[in-house]
C-alpha atoms as a PDB file:
ATOM      1  CA  MET A   1      -5.998   6.975 -10.273  1.00  0.00           C
ATOM      2  CA  VAL A   2      -8.445   6.257  -7.376  1.00  0.00           C
ATOM      3  CA  GLU A   3     -10.117   2.504  -8.209  1.00  0.00           C
ATOM      4  CA  PRO A   4     -13.762   1.966  -7.109  1.00  0.00           C
ATOM      5  CA  ALA A   5     -14.128  -1.229  -5.201  1.00  0.00           C
ATOM      6  CA  SER A   6     -16.354  -3.802  -7.122  1.00  0.00           C
ATOM      7  CA  ASN A   7     -19.699  -5.272  -5.577  1.00  0.00           C
ATOM      8  CA  SER A   8     -17.438  -8.441  -5.511  1.00  0.00           C
ATOM      9  CA  ASP A   9     -14.416  -7.105  -3.843  1.00  0.00           C
ATOM     10  CA  LYS A  10     -14.365  -7.019   0.192  1.00  0.00           C
ATOM     11  CA  ARG A  11     -11.973  -4.076   0.184  1.00  0.00           C
ATOM     12  CA  VAL A  12     -13.337  -1.289   2.593  1.00  0.00           C
ATOM     13  CA  TYR A  13     -10.866   1.309   1.128  1.00  0.00           C
ATOM     14  CA  GLU A  14     -10.620   2.385  -2.592  1.00  0.00           C
ATOM     15  CA  ARG A  15      -7.181   1.576  -3.757  1.00  0.00           C
ATOM     16  CA  VAL A  16      -4.568   4.147  -5.580  1.00  0.00           C
ATOM     17  CA  LYS A  17      -2.094   3.724  -7.945  1.00  0.00           C
ATOM     18  CA  ASP A  18      -0.313   6.824  -7.492  1.00  0.00           C
ATOM     19  CA  PRO A  19       1.749   8.086  -6.029  1.00  0.00           C
ATOM     20  CA  ALA A  20       3.365   4.752  -5.471  1.00  0.00           C
ATOM     21  CA  ILE A  21       4.772   3.712  -1.687  1.00  0.00           C
ATOM     22  CA  ARG A  22       7.647   1.683  -0.693  1.00  0.00           C
ATOM     23  CA  LEU A  23       7.559  -0.243   2.214  1.00  0.00           C
ATOM     24  CA  GLN A  24      10.274  -1.840   4.445  1.00  0.00           C
ATOM     25  CA  ILE A  25       9.934  -5.534   5.126  1.00  0.00           C
ATOM     26  CA  GLY A  26      12.653  -7.452   6.611  1.00  0.00           C
ATOM     27  CA  SER A  27      15.679  -6.209   5.048  1.00  0.00           C
ATOM     28  CA  LYS A  28      14.157  -5.324   1.696  1.00  0.00           C
ATOM     29  CA  ILE A  29      12.204  -2.414   0.285  1.00  0.00           C
ATOM     30  CA  TYR A  30       9.402  -3.057  -1.958  1.00  0.00           C
ATOM     31  CA  SER A  31       7.337  -1.115  -4.466  1.00  0.00           C
ATOM     32  CA  SER A  32       3.875  -0.478  -4.454  1.00  0.00           C
ATOM     33  CA  ILE A  33       1.355  -1.356  -7.221  1.00  0.00           C
ATOM     34  CA  ASN A  34      -1.816  -0.113  -5.543  1.00  0.00           C
ATOM     35  CA  TRP A  35      -2.281   0.492  -1.793  1.00  0.00           C
ATOM     36  CA  SER A  36      -4.964   1.684   0.705  1.00  0.00           C
ATOM     37  CA  LEU A  37      -4.988   2.326   4.058  1.00  0.00           C
ATOM     38  CA  GLY A  38      -6.297  -1.613   4.527  1.00  0.00           C
ATOM     39  CA  GLY A  39      -3.676  -2.990   2.109  1.00  0.00           C
ATOM     40  CA  VAL A  40      -1.187  -3.119  -0.464  1.00  0.00           C
ATOM     41  CA  LEU A  41      -0.359  -5.076  -3.414  1.00  0.00           C
ATOM     42  CA  ILE A  42       3.418  -5.004  -3.709  1.00  0.00           C
ATOM     43  CA  ASP A  43       5.476  -5.928  -6.909  1.00  0.00           C
ATOM     44  CA  GLY A  44       9.309  -7.603  -7.224  1.00  0.00           C
ATOM     45  CA  TYR A  45       8.508  -9.864  -4.282  1.00  0.00           C
ATOM     46  CA  GLU A  46      11.315 -12.375  -3.369  1.00  0.00           C
ATOM     47  CA  GLY A  47      10.699 -13.928  -0.216  1.00  0.00           C
ATOM     48  CA  GLY A  48       8.710 -17.078   1.367  1.00  0.00           C
ATOM     49  CA  LEU A  49       5.970 -15.352   2.635  1.00  0.00           C
ATOM     50  CA  SER A  50       2.391 -17.525   2.163  1.00  0.00           C
ATOM     51  CA  THR A  51      -0.972 -16.644   2.522  1.00  0.00           C
ATOM     52  CA  GLY A  52      -1.790 -16.198   6.206  1.00  0.00           C
ATOM     53  CA  SER A  53       2.044 -15.366   6.994  1.00  0.00           C
ATOM     54  CA  LEU A  54       2.089 -12.171   9.455  1.00  0.00           C
ATOM     55  CA  LEU A  55       4.883  -9.619   8.605  1.00  0.00           C
ATOM     56  CA  SER A  56       6.165  -6.339   9.820  1.00  0.00           C
ATOM     57  CA  ILE A  57       6.722  -3.084   7.707  1.00  0.00           C
ATOM     58  CA  THR A  58       9.116  -0.875   9.414  1.00  0.00           C
ATOM     59  CA  GLU A  59       9.411   1.945   6.785  1.00  0.00           C
ATOM     60  CA  ILE A  60       7.216   3.858   4.239  1.00  0.00           C
ATOM     61  CA  GLY A  61       7.794   6.402   2.079  1.00  0.00           C
ATOM     62  CA  LEU A  62       7.242   7.641  -1.802  1.00  0.00           C
ATOM     63  CA  SER A  63       8.571   5.801  -4.486  1.00  0.00           C
ATOM     64  CA  ARG A  64      11.453   8.570  -4.394  1.00  0.00           C
ATOM     65  CA  GLY A  65      12.717  10.329  -1.540  1.00  0.00           C
ATOM     66  CA  VAL A  66      12.918   9.885   2.466  1.00  0.00           C
ATOM     67  CA  MET A  67      11.810   6.275   3.892  1.00  0.00           C
ATOM     68  CA  SER A  68       9.792   6.781   7.524  1.00  0.00           C
ATOM     69  CA  PRO A  69      10.068   4.407  10.337  1.00  0.00           C
ATOM     70  CA  VAL A  70       6.393   2.939  11.151  1.00  0.00           C
ATOM     71  CA  LYS A  71       5.202   0.170  12.616  1.00  0.00           C
ATOM     72  CA  ILE A  72       2.373  -1.648  10.776  1.00  0.00           C
ATOM     73  CA  SER A  73       1.225  -5.430  11.255  1.00  0.00           C
ATOM     74  CA  ALA A  74       0.092  -6.770   8.569  1.00  0.00           C
ATOM     75  CA  ARG A  75      -0.983 -10.630   6.948  1.00  0.00           C
ATOM     76  CA  VAL A  76      -0.232 -11.734   3.380  1.00  0.00           C
ATOM     77  CA  ILE A  77      -3.867 -12.414   1.527  1.00  0.00           C
ATOM     78  CA  ARG A  78      -1.868 -13.462  -1.594  1.00  0.00           C
ATOM     79  CA  ALA A  79       1.265 -14.281  -2.637  1.00  0.00           C
ATOM     80  CA  SER A  80       2.504 -15.174  -6.231  1.00  0.00           C
ATOM     81  CA  ALA A  81       6.618 -16.482  -6.733  1.00  0.00           C
ATOM     82  CA  GLU A  82       5.470 -16.831 -10.235  1.00  0.00           C
ATOM     83  CA  ALA A  83       4.472 -13.209 -10.679  1.00  0.00           C
ATOM     84  CA  ASN A  84       6.500 -12.107  -7.965  1.00  0.00           C
ATOM     85  CA  LEU A  85       3.090 -10.324  -6.458  1.00  0.00           C
ATOM     86  CA  LEU A  86       2.612  -9.852  -2.745  1.00  0.00           C
ATOM     87  CA  ALA A  87      -0.847  -8.763  -1.343  1.00  0.00           C
ATOM     88  CA  ILE A  88      -1.149  -8.072   2.509  1.00  0.00           C
ATOM     89  CA  GLN A  89      -3.639  -6.556   4.447  1.00  0.00           C
ATOM     90  CA  MET A  90      -2.950  -3.709   7.378  1.00  0.00           C
ATOM     91  CA  LEU A  91      -3.894  -5.240  11.018  1.00  0.00           C
ATOM     92  CA  GLU A  92      -2.717  -2.527  12.976  1.00  0.00           C
ATOM     93  CA  ILE A  93      -0.783   0.944  11.704  1.00  0.00           C
ATOM     94  CA  ASP A  94       0.729   3.289  14.397  1.00  0.00           C
ATOM     95  CA  GLN A  95       0.234   6.836  14.351  1.00  0.00           C
ATOM     96  CA  SER A  96       2.967   7.750  12.084  1.00  0.00           C
ATOM     97  CA  ALA A  97       1.886   5.444   9.470  1.00  0.00           C
ATOM     98  CA  TYR A  98      -1.314   6.488   9.562  1.00  0.00           C
ATOM     99  CA  ALA A  99      -0.484  10.363   8.980  1.00  0.00           C
ATOM    100  CA  ILE A 100       1.775   9.394   6.169  1.00  0.00           C
ATOM    101  CA  LEU A 101      -0.308   7.753   4.320  1.00  0.00           C
ATOM    102  CA  GLN A 102      -3.775   9.976   5.038  1.00  0.00           C
ATOM    103  CA  LYS A 103      -1.650  12.686   3.857  1.00  0.00           C
ATOM    104  CA  LEU A 104      -0.559  10.969   0.680  1.00  0.00           C
ATOM    105  CA  LEU A 105      -4.725  10.482   0.205  1.00  0.00           C
ATOM    106  CA  THR A 106      -5.636  13.768   0.872  1.00  0.00           C
ATOM    107  CA  THR A 107      -2.828  15.280  -1.592  1.00  0.00           C
ATOM    108  CA  LYS A 108      -4.175  13.031  -4.039  1.00  0.00           C
ATOM    109  CA  MET A 109      -7.841  14.137  -3.676  1.00  0.00           C
ATOM    110  CA  GLN A 110      -6.793  17.769  -3.544  1.00  0.00           C
ATOM    111  CA  VAL A 111      -5.193  17.269  -6.867  1.00  0.00           C
ATOM    112  CA  MET A 112      -7.608  15.720  -8.657  1.00  0.00           C
ATOM    113  CA  ARG A 113     -10.614  18.532  -7.545  1.00  0.00           C
ATOM    114  CA  ALA A 114      -8.137  21.123  -8.905  1.00  0.00           C
ATOM    115  CA  ARG A 115      -8.222  19.025 -12.171  1.00  0.00           C
ATOM    116  CA  PRO A 116     -10.630  20.562 -14.832  1.00  0.00           C
ATOM    117  CA  GLN A 117     -13.604  18.498 -15.184  1.00  0.00           C
ATOM    118  CA  HIS A 118     -14.146  17.369 -19.056  1.00  0.00           C
ATOM    119  CA  GLY A 119     -18.004  16.471 -19.973  1.00  0.00           C
END
């Protein structure tokens, strides 16, 4: 599902819940709650990063299947130890990461267009 950005929201890109992606940060792999080309909200975070911290994402992939090596520089926007959530903004993504994420978004849009319209 694509979530439209609200007027009060500063997001440039719309967020996608499905398909979920996995990301490797350090030695741990996390699953997305939602993501876009500009950022990602991950679940199950158990680390010491705080707002403003810089990090690297070294692999991404679908919720199941093979992970691909990437180079993504990111910054923590929000970290919640109580809720185990981490919101990050992607600052720089390499060509490989961009191609993977763009392909997922394109496939998502094709599926949505192919569905019958009710109304």
